[in-house]
Amino acid sequence: MANASGSAQEKLKAGLFAHKPSSIDYALSLGNGKAVLTYRDQREPHNNGQLNLSYFLGSGHLGTTYIYSINHFLFESPVAWYAATKSYDMKPGLAEINEMPPSLPMQSSCLRCHMSAVQASDSGTINRYKSLPFLHSGITCETCHGDSQNHIRNGGRSPIVNPARLTATQRDSICIGCHLEGDVTVERSGHSPLDYHPGEEISSYLAYYVYGDANATSRGVSEVEQFSQSTCKRISGDKMSCSSCHDPHFTPNASQRTAFFRSKCLSCHNQPEFATHHHPETQDCTSCHMPAKGAENIPHVAWTDHRILRIPENQTSKSQEGQRDRLTPIFSPGANARDLAIAYYKAMLEGDRNLEPVAWEQLTALGDAINSDSEALDALGVVNAERGNSSAAERAFRRVLEISPDDLTALSNLGTLLAKQGKLNGAISMLRQAFDSNPDISGLAKNLARLECAAGDTPAARRTLETTLVYNPDLQDVQRLSAEVSNCGGAESGR
């Protein structure tokens, strides 16, 4: 865990990758003490550039990605190193893209399981950090043991958190916080996982949901969920935890691995038939009972099956027909109606449009209970806007802006609503405020530039697109729009 992140120079894997759908050639190299990603468009040779990589993310067991910064905005590289293929490939979701992808914002929610003391992004932004985005690379002692300052100051006499002495829920929360995602994860109202401290229950900060037909082996980061389904865990109960098999202070190397994990199995399965007679030709228990399985949502990655099946070949997960539209909470005893509504909304945004009616119905049913909940109000505004309920959507977004005047979702969506109503000046004002804080979001830039052009303000439209090209230098649609607004046909007074 200590090697989960660090300076890019420490773990750069020099290599080349040619992405055929986009005709972009990528090269990662190390020179003059700098880690660099260069790219070149084979179709448009003038579309080329270089990114100075700041950090790596990922221990390398499954893969490694890199992070770069432009004007204090953090981004993830479009390509990643995959251990299974020992080569570079596109990040998940980018395999079929036919041009240079837009910049990928690196949010604190993505950093928190790879770095320590991760900070929140600047207010009104999703990936700008005016100070350090995190205080320590890798996973430090404090991640599991809490604040250690007094412990160190007093020569070890002041206590620190000992996970073994916590309740089972508090102990397991330390692992769940980073080793469980489910199908949808929701931040509880008024709580950020960045504020979680060992000894607390992670369910106070996050609610996890899975579909009714969930196959826990089909997605990544589901070890805790799989483990809870194992016969070993169900029989052992609270006395068995992740640390029963994993030592957070030690990772066996390749030559030690088989004996290390076999000893964990035999500590419970200590009957003679297991120690000496059960498949003596295969000492690696995990090769049969915990095989690696591919994750459908992460290419080139195989995750160990933590269900610990007795006969893996005959015990594959079976889907429950007709349950794909039902989300169920797991490891989330405090999950409420608000959390479930947000879960359906997030699942809808991630591509399952069939869930839109459920999200709308549940968000609407919350009524005044979410009157001070910005995230829920934003969700309610979005679904109402999509349904053509403009007045309800506008009320929701304006209420959000009363709570949080720089809320990106409310500003950008309210600006779009006003534009549809022909209220050009109000729309430009809203989008301009959002864009000034988030100039790296190309979609926001395009919407704003079109409105500025419609208002006849050619210089403003040009400046908007030129600004976003700093962060998305080779986006073809932005370049085309920039040419189109070269003369908006109106006054150029910048009104």
Protein backbone atom coordinates (compact mmCIF):
# COMPACT_ATOMS: atom_id res chain seq x y z
CA MET A 1 0.00 0.00 0.00
CA ALA A 2 2.92 2.33 0.63
CA ASN A 3 3.73 1.99 -3.07
CA ALA A 4 0.25 2.91 -4.30
CA SER A 5 1.47 6.27 -5.62
CA GLY A 6 4.49 8.53 -5.84
CA SER A 7 6.54 10.73 -8.10
CA ALA A 8 6.12 9.78 -11.78
CA GLN A 9 9.88 9.51 -12.21
CA GLU A 10 10.00 6.72 -9.63
CA LYS A 11 7.90 4.30 -11.63
CA LEU A 12 7.80 5.42 -15.22
CA LYS A 13 7.72 2.54 -17.68
CA ALA A 14 9.14 3.82 -20.93
CA GLY A 15 7.13 2.63 -23.87
CA LEU A 16 5.20 3.32 -27.07
CA PHE A 17 1.55 2.83 -27.88
CA ALA A 18 -0.26 3.44 -31.17
CA HIS A 19 -4.01 3.82 -30.82
CA LYS A 20 -5.51 2.83 -34.17
CA PRO A 21 -9.07 4.24 -33.86
CA SER A 22 -7.77 7.76 -33.17
CA SER A 23 -4.47 7.46 -35.09
CA ILE A 24 -2.70 8.93 -32.06
CA ASP A 25 0.80 7.71 -31.21
CA TYR A 26 1.79 7.92 -27.56
CA ALA A 27 5.27 7.69 -26.08
CA LEU A 28 6.30 7.72 -22.43
CA SER A 29 9.90 8.47 -21.58
CA LEU A 30 12.21 9.73 -18.89
CA GLY A 31 14.78 12.41 -19.58
CA ASN A 32 16.53 15.19 -17.67
CA GLY A 33 14.81 14.03 -14.51
CA LYS A 34 11.34 14.45 -16.00
CA ALA A 35 8.67 11.89 -16.85
CA VAL A 36 7.06 12.86 -20.15
CA LEU A 37 4.10 11.74 -22.23
CA THR A 38 4.26 12.85 -25.86
CA TYR A 39 1.53 12.38 -28.44
CA ARG A 40 1.24 12.82 -32.19
CA ASP A 41 -1.74 12.59 -34.52
CA GLN A 42 -0.78 10.61 -37.62
CA ARG A 43 -3.58 12.24 -39.63
CA GLU A 44 -2.84 15.79 -38.47
CA PRO A 45 0.92 16.03 -37.76
CA HIS A 46 0.51 19.55 -36.37
CA ASN A 47 -1.61 18.04 -33.58
CA ASN A 48 1.15 16.99 -31.27
CA GLY A 49 2.34 17.87 -27.83
CA GLN A 50 4.00 16.94 -24.58
CA LEU A 51 2.73 16.51 -21.03
CA ASN A 52 5.01 16.55 -18.01
CA LEU A 53 3.85 13.78 -15.69
CA SER A 54 3.85 14.56 -11.98
CA TYR A 55 2.73 11.39 -10.20
CA PHE A 56 2.09 7.72 -10.77
CA LEU A 57 -0.98 6.03 -9.37
CA GLY A 58 -1.25 2.28 -8.78
CA SER A 59 1.13 -0.19 -7.14
CA GLY A 60 1.76 -1.88 -10.48
CA HIS A 61 0.24 -5.20 -9.38
CA LEU A 62 -2.66 -4.58 -11.76
CA GLY A 63 -1.53 -1.46 -13.56
CA THR A 64 -0.15 2.04 -13.38
CA THR A 65 -1.50 5.35 -14.58
CA TYR A 66 0.02 8.81 -14.48
CA ILE A 67 -1.14 12.27 -13.43
CA TYR A 68 -0.16 15.64 -14.85
CA SER A 69 -0.98 19.22 -13.89
CA ILE A 70 -1.80 22.35 -15.89
CA ASN A 71 -2.31 25.58 -13.98
CA HIS A 72 -3.07 23.63 -10.78
CA PHE A 73 -5.68 21.44 -12.51
CA LEU A 74 -4.96 17.71 -12.16
CA PHE A 75 -5.55 15.28 -15.01
CA GLU A 76 -5.10 11.58 -15.62
CA SER A 77 -3.12 10.40 -18.62
CA PRO A 78 -5.26 8.89 -21.40
CA VAL A 79 -3.10 5.77 -21.49
CA ALA A 80 -2.21 3.38 -18.68
CA TRP A 81 0.22 0.52 -18.13
CA TYR A 82 -1.46 -2.88 -17.67
CA ALA A 83 0.50 -5.55 -15.81
CA ALA A 84 -1.35 -8.47 -17.44
CA THR A 85 -0.25 -7.48 -20.95
CA LYS A 86 2.93 -5.69 -19.88
CA SER A 87 2.05 -2.88 -22.25
CA TYR A 88 0.23 0.42 -22.57
CA ASP A 89 -3.36 0.80 -23.68
CA MET A 90 -6.14 3.35 -23.40
CA LYS A 91 -7.89 4.00 -20.12
CA PRO A 92 -11.26 2.24 -19.64
CA GLY A 93 -13.94 3.80 -21.82
CA LEU A 94 -11.50 5.29 -24.34
CA ALA A 95 -10.70 2.23 -26.45
CA GLU A 96 -12.96 3.22 -29.37
CA ILE A 97 -12.56 7.00 -29.29
CA ASN A 98 -11.63 8.29 -32.74
CA GLU A 99 -9.68 11.41 -31.77
CA MET A 100 -7.48 12.72 -29.00
CA PRO A 101 -9.68 12.38 -25.90
CA PRO A 102 -10.57 15.41 -23.80
CA SER A 103 -8.59 15.90 -20.63
CA LEU A 104 -9.55 13.51 -17.84
CA PRO A 105 -10.10 15.41 -14.56
CA MET A 106 -8.48 13.75 -11.54
CA GLN A 107 -10.88 14.22 -8.66
CA SER A 108 -10.18 13.80 -4.97
CA SER A 109 -12.54 10.80 -4.88
CA CYS A 110 -10.11 9.01 -7.22
CA LEU A 111 -7.02 10.05 -5.27
CA ARG A 112 -8.12 9.11 -1.78
CA CYS A 113 -7.40 5.37 -2.06
CA HIS A 114 -3.92 5.84 -3.53
CA MET A 115 -2.62 8.87 -1.60
CA SER A 116 -2.86 9.96 2.02
CA ALA A 117 -4.35 13.12 3.51
CA VAL A 118 -6.08 13.93 0.23
CA GLN A 119 -7.43 17.47 0.10
CA ALA A 120 -10.72 18.68 -1.35
CA SER A 121 -10.55 20.47 -4.68
CA ASP A 122 -11.02 24.23 -4.73
CA SER A 123 -14.58 25.40 -4.21
CA GLY A 124 -16.58 25.38 -7.43
CA THR A 125 -14.13 23.09 -9.23
CA ILE A 126 -13.78 19.35 -9.57
CA ASN A 127 -10.02 19.04 -10.08
CA ARG A 128 -8.21 22.29 -9.23
CA TYR A 129 -5.98 22.32 -6.17
CA LYS A 130 -4.40 25.67 -5.36
CA SER A 131 -2.31 23.92 -2.71
CA LEU A 132 -1.08 20.33 -2.55
CA PRO A 133 -3.75 17.85 -3.66
CA PHE A 134 -2.48 15.41 -1.06
CA LEU A 135 0.08 15.58 1.74
CA HIS A 136 1.69 12.14 1.40
CA SER A 137 2.13 9.73 -1.48
CA GLY A 138 1.23 6.10 -0.90
CA ILE A 139 -0.90 4.78 1.96
CA THR A 140 0.65 5.90 5.25
CA CYS A 141 0.35 4.48 8.75
CA GLU A 142 -2.27 7.11 9.62
CA THR A 143 -4.66 5.70 7.03
CA CYS A 144 -5.28 2.69 9.28
CA HIS A 145 -4.03 3.88 12.66
CA GLY A 146 -5.26 7.47 12.80
CA ASP A 147 -3.40 10.58 13.93
CA SER A 148 0.06 9.54 15.11
CA GLN A 149 1.47 12.91 16.20
CA ASN A 150 0.95 12.39 19.94
CA HIS A 151 2.07 8.78 19.62
CA ILE A 152 5.39 9.87 18.11
CA ARG A 153 5.77 12.92 20.36
CA ASN A 154 5.41 10.76 23.48
CA GLY A 155 7.73 8.02 22.36
CA GLY A 156 4.92 5.59 21.62
CA ARG A 157 3.19 5.94 24.98
CA SER A 158 0.11 7.71 23.60
CA PRO A 159 -2.30 5.24 22.01
CA ILE A 160 -3.10 5.06 18.33
CA VAL A 161 -5.93 3.22 16.65
CA ASN A 162 -5.39 -0.53 16.68
CA PRO A 163 -7.79 -2.08 14.14
CA ALA A 164 -7.70 -5.38 16.04
CA ARG A 165 -9.29 -3.69 19.06
CA LEU A 166 -12.11 -2.00 17.19
CA THR A 167 -15.60 -3.37 16.73
CA ALA A 168 -15.94 -5.58 13.68
CA THR A 169 -17.77 -2.85 11.76
CA GLN A 170 -15.17 -0.21 12.63
CA ARG A 171 -12.31 -2.60 11.80
CA ASP A 172 -13.79 -3.64 8.48
CA SER A 173 -14.57 -0.03 7.56
CA ILE A 174 -10.85 0.65 7.18
CA CYS A 175 -10.67 -1.89 4.34
CA ILE A 176 -14.13 -1.23 2.90
CA GLY A 177 -13.32 2.43 2.30
CA CYS A 178 -11.01 1.50 -0.59
CA HIS A 179 -11.78 -2.13 -1.42
CA LEU A 180 -15.48 -1.83 -2.16
CA GLU A 181 -17.27 0.09 -4.88
CA GLY A 182 -20.40 -1.87 -5.66
CA ASP A 183 -22.28 -0.78 -8.76
CA VAL A 184 -22.94 2.70 -7.36
CA THR A 185 -21.36 4.56 -4.45
CA VAL A 186 -23.11 7.54 -2.89
CA GLU A 187 -21.71 10.16 -0.54
CA ARG A 188 -24.02 10.54 2.44
CA SER A 189 -25.61 13.96 2.82
CA GLY A 190 -23.25 16.43 4.46
CA HIS A 191 -20.40 13.93 4.65
CA SER A 192 -17.24 13.53 2.59
CA PRO A 193 -15.13 10.35 2.71
CA LEU A 194 -12.09 12.66 2.84
CA ASP A 195 -13.10 13.33 6.45
CA TYR A 196 -13.24 9.65 7.45
CA HIS A 197 -10.91 8.61 10.29
CA PRO A 198 -10.00 5.08 11.41
CA GLY A 199 -12.26 4.01 14.25
CA GLU A 200 -15.36 5.42 12.58
CA GLU A 201 -17.85 3.51 10.46
CA ILE A 202 -17.44 4.17 6.74
CA SER A 203 -21.22 3.83 6.31
CA SER A 204 -21.56 7.26 7.93
CA TYR A 205 -19.79 8.67 4.87
CA LEU A 206 -20.64 6.37 1.96
CA ALA A 207 -23.55 4.17 0.93
CA TYR A 208 -22.88 1.27 -1.45
CA TYR A 209 -25.42 -0.22 -3.85
CA VAL A 210 -25.47 -3.23 -6.17
CA TYR A 211 -28.01 -4.35 -8.74
CA GLY A 212 -30.34 -7.18 -7.81
CA ASP A 213 -28.70 -9.42 -10.41
CA ALA A 214 -25.20 -8.38 -9.38
CA ASN A 215 -22.35 -10.71 -10.24
CA ALA A 216 -19.69 -9.71 -7.76
CA THR A 217 -16.91 -11.10 -9.98
CA SER A 218 -17.81 -9.05 -13.07
CA ARG A 219 -16.45 -5.72 -11.83
CA GLY A 220 -13.32 -4.46 -10.16
CA VAL A 221 -12.90 -3.40 -6.54
CA SER A 222 -15.40 -5.94 -5.20
CA GLU A 223 -13.13 -8.01 -2.93
CA VAL A 224 -15.05 -7.18 0.26
CA GLU A 225 -18.39 -8.01 -1.34
CA GLN A 226 -17.08 -11.33 -2.68
CA PHE A 227 -15.48 -12.20 0.65
CA SER A 228 -18.79 -11.68 2.48
CA GLN A 229 -20.33 -14.35 0.22
CA SER A 230 -17.70 -16.96 1.05
CA THR A 231 -18.52 -19.94 3.24
CA CYS A 232 -15.34 -19.21 5.22
CA LYS A 233 -16.57 -15.76 6.21
CA ARG A 234 -20.21 -16.74 6.78
CA ILE A 235 -19.23 -19.55 9.16
CA SER A 236 -16.44 -17.64 10.92
CA GLY A 237 -18.43 -14.43 11.33
CA ASP A 238 -16.80 -11.34 12.83
CA LYS A 239 -13.64 -13.13 13.90
CA MET A 240 -12.60 -13.40 10.25
CA SER A 241 -11.60 -10.26 8.36
CA CYS A 242 -9.38 -9.14 5.52
CA SER A 243 -6.40 -9.21 7.87
CA SER A 244 -6.97 -12.91 8.55
CA CYS A 245 -5.24 -13.56 5.23
CA HIS A 246 -3.60 -10.24 4.37
CA ASP A 247 -0.83 -8.59 6.36
CA PRO A 248 -1.00 -4.84 5.62
CA HIS A 249 2.65 -4.54 6.71
CA PHE A 250 3.99 -7.28 4.45
CA THR A 251 3.47 -8.44 0.89
CA PRO A 252 5.01 -11.82 -0.01
CA ASN A 253 7.13 -11.87 -3.12
CA ALA A 254 6.54 -14.39 -5.92
CA SER A 255 8.65 -17.10 -4.26
CA GLN A 256 6.91 -16.67 -0.90
CA ARG A 257 3.35 -16.25 -2.07
CA THR A 258 2.20 -19.88 -2.26
CA ALA A 259 3.54 -20.85 1.16
CA PHE A 260 2.31 -17.61 2.75
CA PHE A 261 -1.31 -17.96 1.70
CA ARG A 262 -1.34 -21.75 2.11
CA SER A 263 -0.42 -21.23 5.76
CA LYS A 264 -3.44 -18.94 6.11
CA CYS A 265 -5.74 -21.63 4.75
CA LEU A 266 -4.24 -24.37 6.91
CA SER A 267 -4.59 -22.28 10.06
CA CYS A 268 -8.32 -23.13 9.87
CA HIS A 269 -8.40 -26.16 7.57
CA ASN A 270 -5.87 -28.00 9.72
CA GLN A 271 -7.22 -31.52 9.33
CA PRO A 272 -4.64 -34.03 8.03
CA GLU A 273 -6.50 -34.54 4.77
CA PHE A 274 -5.93 -30.89 3.90
CA ALA A 275 -2.36 -30.58 5.13
CA THR A 276 -1.04 -33.72 3.42
CA HIS A 277 -3.60 -35.47 1.23
CA HIS A 278 -5.63 -32.75 -0.50
CA HIS A 279 -4.07 -32.32 -3.94
CA PRO A 280 -0.44 -32.68 -2.83
CA GLU A 281 0.65 -31.88 -6.37
CA THR A 282 -0.77 -28.33 -6.02
CA GLN A 283 0.39 -26.40 -2.97
CA ASP A 284 -1.21 -23.16 -4.15
CA CYS A 285 -4.72 -23.26 -2.66
CA THR A 286 -5.71 -20.03 -4.36
CA SER A 287 -5.10 -21.40 -7.87
CA CYS A 288 -8.24 -23.55 -7.51
CA HIS A 289 -10.33 -21.84 -4.86
CA MET A 290 -9.53 -18.17 -5.59
CA PRO A 291 -8.74 -17.95 -9.31
CA ALA A 292 -8.23 -14.64 -11.07
CA LYS A 293 -11.24 -13.43 -13.05
CA GLY A 294 -11.50 -10.58 -15.53
CA ALA A 295 -13.47 -7.48 -14.58
CA GLU A 296 -15.97 -6.44 -17.26
CA ASN A 297 -15.60 -2.74 -16.43
CA ILE A 298 -11.79 -2.69 -16.47
CA PRO A 299 -10.02 -4.19 -19.51
CA HIS A 300 -6.79 -6.16 -19.21
CA VAL A 301 -7.28 -6.62 -15.45
CA ALA A 302 -7.95 -9.84 -13.53
CA TRP A 303 -9.07 -9.73 -9.90
CA THR A 304 -8.71 -12.56 -7.42
CA ASP A 305 -12.08 -14.20 -6.74
CA HIS A 306 -12.57 -13.69 -2.99
CA ARG A 307 -15.66 -15.91 -2.78
CA ILE A 308 -13.29 -18.82 -1.93
CA LEU A 309 -15.47 -21.34 -3.72
CA ARG A 310 -15.14 -25.02 -2.91
CA ILE A 311 -15.69 -26.07 -6.53
CA PRO A 312 -15.19 -22.97 -8.69
CA GLU A 313 -16.06 -24.69 -11.95
CA ASN A 314 -19.58 -25.53 -10.77
CA GLN A 315 -20.36 -22.47 -8.68
CA THR A 316 -20.47 -19.47 -10.95
CA SER A 317 -22.71 -16.56 -10.03
CA LYS A 318 -26.15 -16.66 -11.61
CA SER A 319 -28.10 -13.56 -12.46
CA GLN A 320 -31.58 -13.09 -11.08
CA GLU A 321 -33.84 -12.37 -14.02
CA GLY A 322 -35.77 -9.13 -13.86
CA GLN A 323 -33.67 -7.56 -11.09
CA ARG A 324 -31.41 -5.33 -13.18
CA ASP A 325 -33.53 -2.29 -12.34
CA ARG A 326 -33.33 -2.77 -8.56
CA LEU A 327 -30.49 -1.35 -6.46
CA THR A 328 -29.84 -2.88 -3.06
CA PRO A 329 -27.60 -1.41 -0.33
CA ILE A 330 -24.68 -3.47 0.97
CA PHE A 331 -22.51 -2.70 4.03
CA SER A 332 -24.61 0.44 4.45
CA PRO A 333 -26.86 0.08 7.52
CA GLY A 334 -27.73 3.79 7.62
CA ALA A 335 -28.65 4.15 3.94
CA ASN A 336 -31.90 6.05 3.52
CA ALA A 337 -34.39 7.11 0.85
CA ARG A 338 -32.24 10.07 -0.15
CA ASP A 339 -29.20 7.84 -0.71
CA LEU A 340 -31.21 5.38 -2.79
CA ALA A 341 -32.61 8.18 -4.95
CA ILE A 342 -29.10 9.52 -5.59
CA ALA A 343 -27.93 5.98 -6.39
CA TYR A 344 -30.59 5.57 -9.10
CA TYR A 345 -29.73 9.02 -10.45
CA LYS A 346 -26.01 8.19 -10.65
CA ALA A 347 -26.74 4.85 -12.29
CA MET A 348 -28.86 6.72 -14.85
CA LEU A 349 -26.01 9.14 -15.57
CA GLU A 350 -23.64 6.21 -16.05
CA GLY A 351 -25.72 4.98 -18.97
CA ASP A 352 -28.77 3.07 -17.74
CA ARG A 353 -31.50 5.36 -19.05
CA ASN A 354 -34.17 2.85 -18.06
CA LEU A 355 -33.68 4.01 -14.49
CA GLU A 356 -34.69 7.61 -15.23
CA PRO A 357 -38.35 7.18 -14.16
CA VAL A 358 -37.27 5.57 -10.90
CA ALA A 359 -34.72 8.31 -10.19
CA TRP A 360 -37.28 11.04 -10.94
CA GLU A 361 -39.99 9.45 -8.83
CA GLN A 362 -37.74 8.90 -5.83
CA LEU A 363 -36.12 12.33 -5.98
CA THR A 364 -39.50 14.02 -6.28
CA ALA A 365 -40.84 12.04 -3.33
CA LEU A 366 -38.15 13.47 -1.06
CA GLY A 367 -39.89 16.84 -1.09
CA ASP A 368 -38.71 19.42 1.45
CA ALA A 369 -36.39 16.88 3.09
CA ILE A 370 -33.68 17.84 0.56
CA ASN A 371 -34.20 21.60 0.73
CA SER A 372 -30.65 22.03 2.06
CA ASP A 373 -29.05 19.14 0.18
CA SER A 374 -27.15 20.51 -2.82
CA GLU A 375 -26.36 17.15 -4.41
CA ALA A 376 -29.95 15.93 -4.23
CA LEU A 377 -31.31 19.25 -5.48
CA ASP A 378 -28.88 19.19 -8.39
CA ALA A 379 -30.08 15.71 -9.28
CA LEU A 380 -33.73 16.79 -9.01
CA GLY A 381 -33.01 19.78 -11.23
CA VAL A 382 -31.32 17.67 -13.89
CA VAL A 383 -34.11 15.08 -14.17
CA ASN A 384 -36.77 17.80 -14.23
CA ALA A 385 -34.89 19.66 -16.96
CA GLU A 386 -34.67 16.48 -19.04
CA ARG A 387 -38.43 16.00 -18.64
CA GLY A 388 -39.13 19.54 -19.79
CA ASN A 389 -40.20 20.69 -16.33
CA SER A 390 -38.25 23.92 -16.68
CA SER A 391 -39.81 25.81 -13.78
CA ALA A 392 -39.21 22.96 -11.32
CA ALA A 393 -35.66 22.54 -12.58
CA GLU A 394 -34.96 26.26 -12.28
CA ARG A 395 -36.30 26.32 -8.71
CA ALA A 396 -34.03 23.45 -7.76
CA PHE A 397 -30.92 25.01 -9.30
CA ARG A 398 -31.59 28.44 -7.83
CA ARG A 399 -32.01 26.88 -4.39
CA VAL A 400 -28.63 25.15 -4.83
CA LEU A 401 -27.01 28.48 -5.67
CA GLU A 402 -28.46 29.96 -2.49
CA ILE A 403 -26.65 27.22 -0.57
CA SER A 404 -23.50 27.08 -2.71
CA PRO A 405 -23.12 30.06 -5.10
CA ASP A 406 -20.34 28.42 -7.13
CA ASP A 407 -21.94 24.98 -7.60
CA LEU A 408 -20.82 23.80 -11.04
CA THR A 409 -23.85 21.62 -11.81
CA ALA A 410 -26.36 24.29 -10.88
CA LEU A 411 -24.55 27.08 -12.75
CA SER A 412 -24.06 25.15 -15.97
CA ASN A 413 -27.54 23.62 -16.05
CA LEU A 414 -29.31 26.82 -15.10
CA GLY A 415 -27.37 28.61 -17.82
CA THR A 416 -28.60 26.04 -20.34
CA LEU A 417 -32.19 26.45 -19.14
CA LEU A 418 -32.02 30.23 -19.49
CA ALA A 419 -30.54 29.91 -22.97
CA LYS A 420 -33.48 27.75 -24.06
CA GLN A 421 -35.81 30.43 -22.75
CA GLY A 422 -34.03 33.03 -24.86
CA LYS A 423 -32.55 34.79 -21.82
CA LEU A 424 -29.14 35.16 -23.42
CA ASN A 425 -27.50 37.56 -20.98
CA GLY A 426 -28.54 35.54 -17.94
CA ALA A 427 -27.38 32.32 -19.58
CA ILE A 428 -23.99 33.77 -20.48
CA SER A 429 -23.57 35.08 -16.94
CA MET A 430 -24.21 31.65 -15.43
CA LEU A 431 -21.97 29.75 -17.85
CA ARG A 432 -19.23 32.34 -17.58
CA GLN A 433 -19.12 31.97 -13.81
CA ALA A 434 -18.91 28.19 -14.15
CA PHE A 435 -16.29 28.36 -16.89
CA ASP A 436 -14.05 30.82 -15.08
CA SER A 437 -13.62 28.20 -12.35
CA ASN A 438 -13.51 25.21 -14.73
CA PRO A 439 -11.81 26.28 -17.99
CA ASP A 440 -10.67 22.70 -18.57
CA ILE A 441 -14.21 21.41 -19.23
CA SER A 442 -14.47 21.53 -23.02
CA GLY A 443 -18.23 20.91 -23.15
CA LEU A 444 -18.82 23.92 -20.93
CA ALA A 445 -16.50 26.00 -23.12
CA LYS A 446 -18.36 25.05 -26.30
CA ASN A 447 -21.75 25.92 -24.83
CA LEU A 448 -20.50 29.27 -23.57
CA ALA A 449 -18.76 30.13 -26.86
CA ARG A 450 -21.91 29.39 -28.85
CA LEU A 451 -23.92 31.71 -26.64
CA GLU A 452 -21.28 34.43 -26.84
CA CYS A 453 -21.31 34.05 -30.59
CA ALA A 454 -25.11 34.26 -30.65
CA ALA A 455 -24.78 37.51 -28.72
CA GLY A 456 -22.43 38.78 -31.42
CA ASP A 457 -19.39 38.79 -29.16
CA THR A 458 -16.75 37.23 -31.39
CA PRO A 459 -13.73 38.15 -29.21
CA ALA A 460 -15.31 36.58 -26.11
CA ALA A 461 -16.17 33.38 -27.99
CA ARG A 462 -12.61 33.16 -29.32
CA ARG A 463 -11.11 33.71 -25.87
CA THR A 464 -13.31 31.02 -24.35
CA LEU A 465 -12.25 28.40 -26.89
CA GLU A 466 -8.60 29.44 -26.81
CA THR A 467 -8.65 29.09 -23.04
CA THR A 468 -10.05 25.56 -23.03
CA LEU A 469 -7.56 24.51 -25.74
CA VAL A 470 -4.81 25.11 -23.18
CA TYR A 471 -6.16 22.06 -21.36
CA ASN A 472 -7.50 20.19 -24.41
CA PRO A 473 -5.01 21.22 -27.10
CA ASP A 474 -5.98 18.76 -29.81
CA LEU A 475 -9.76 18.42 -29.52
CA GLN A 476 -10.95 18.56 -33.11
CA ASP A 477 -14.49 19.70 -32.31
CA VAL A 478 -13.16 22.65 -30.30
CA GLN A 479 -10.81 23.54 -33.13
CA ARG A 480 -13.65 23.38 -35.66
CA LEU A 481 -15.90 25.53 -33.48
CA SER A 482 -13.07 28.01 -33.04
CA ALA A 483 -12.96 28.43 -36.81
CA GLU A 484 -16.74 28.78 -37.00
CA VAL A 485 -16.86 31.63 -34.48
CA SER A 486 -14.13 33.58 -36.21
CA ASN A 487 -16.91 35.99 -37.21
CA CYS A 488 -20.16 35.66 -35.32
CA GLY A 489 -21.80 38.24 -37.54
CA GLY A 490 -22.43 40.69 -34.75
CA ALA A 491 -20.76 43.46 -32.87
CA GLU A 492 -17.32 42.78 -31.49
CA SER A 493 -17.52 45.16 -28.60
CA GLY A 494 -17.41 42.33 -26.07
CA ARG A 495 -20.83 43.20 -24.70
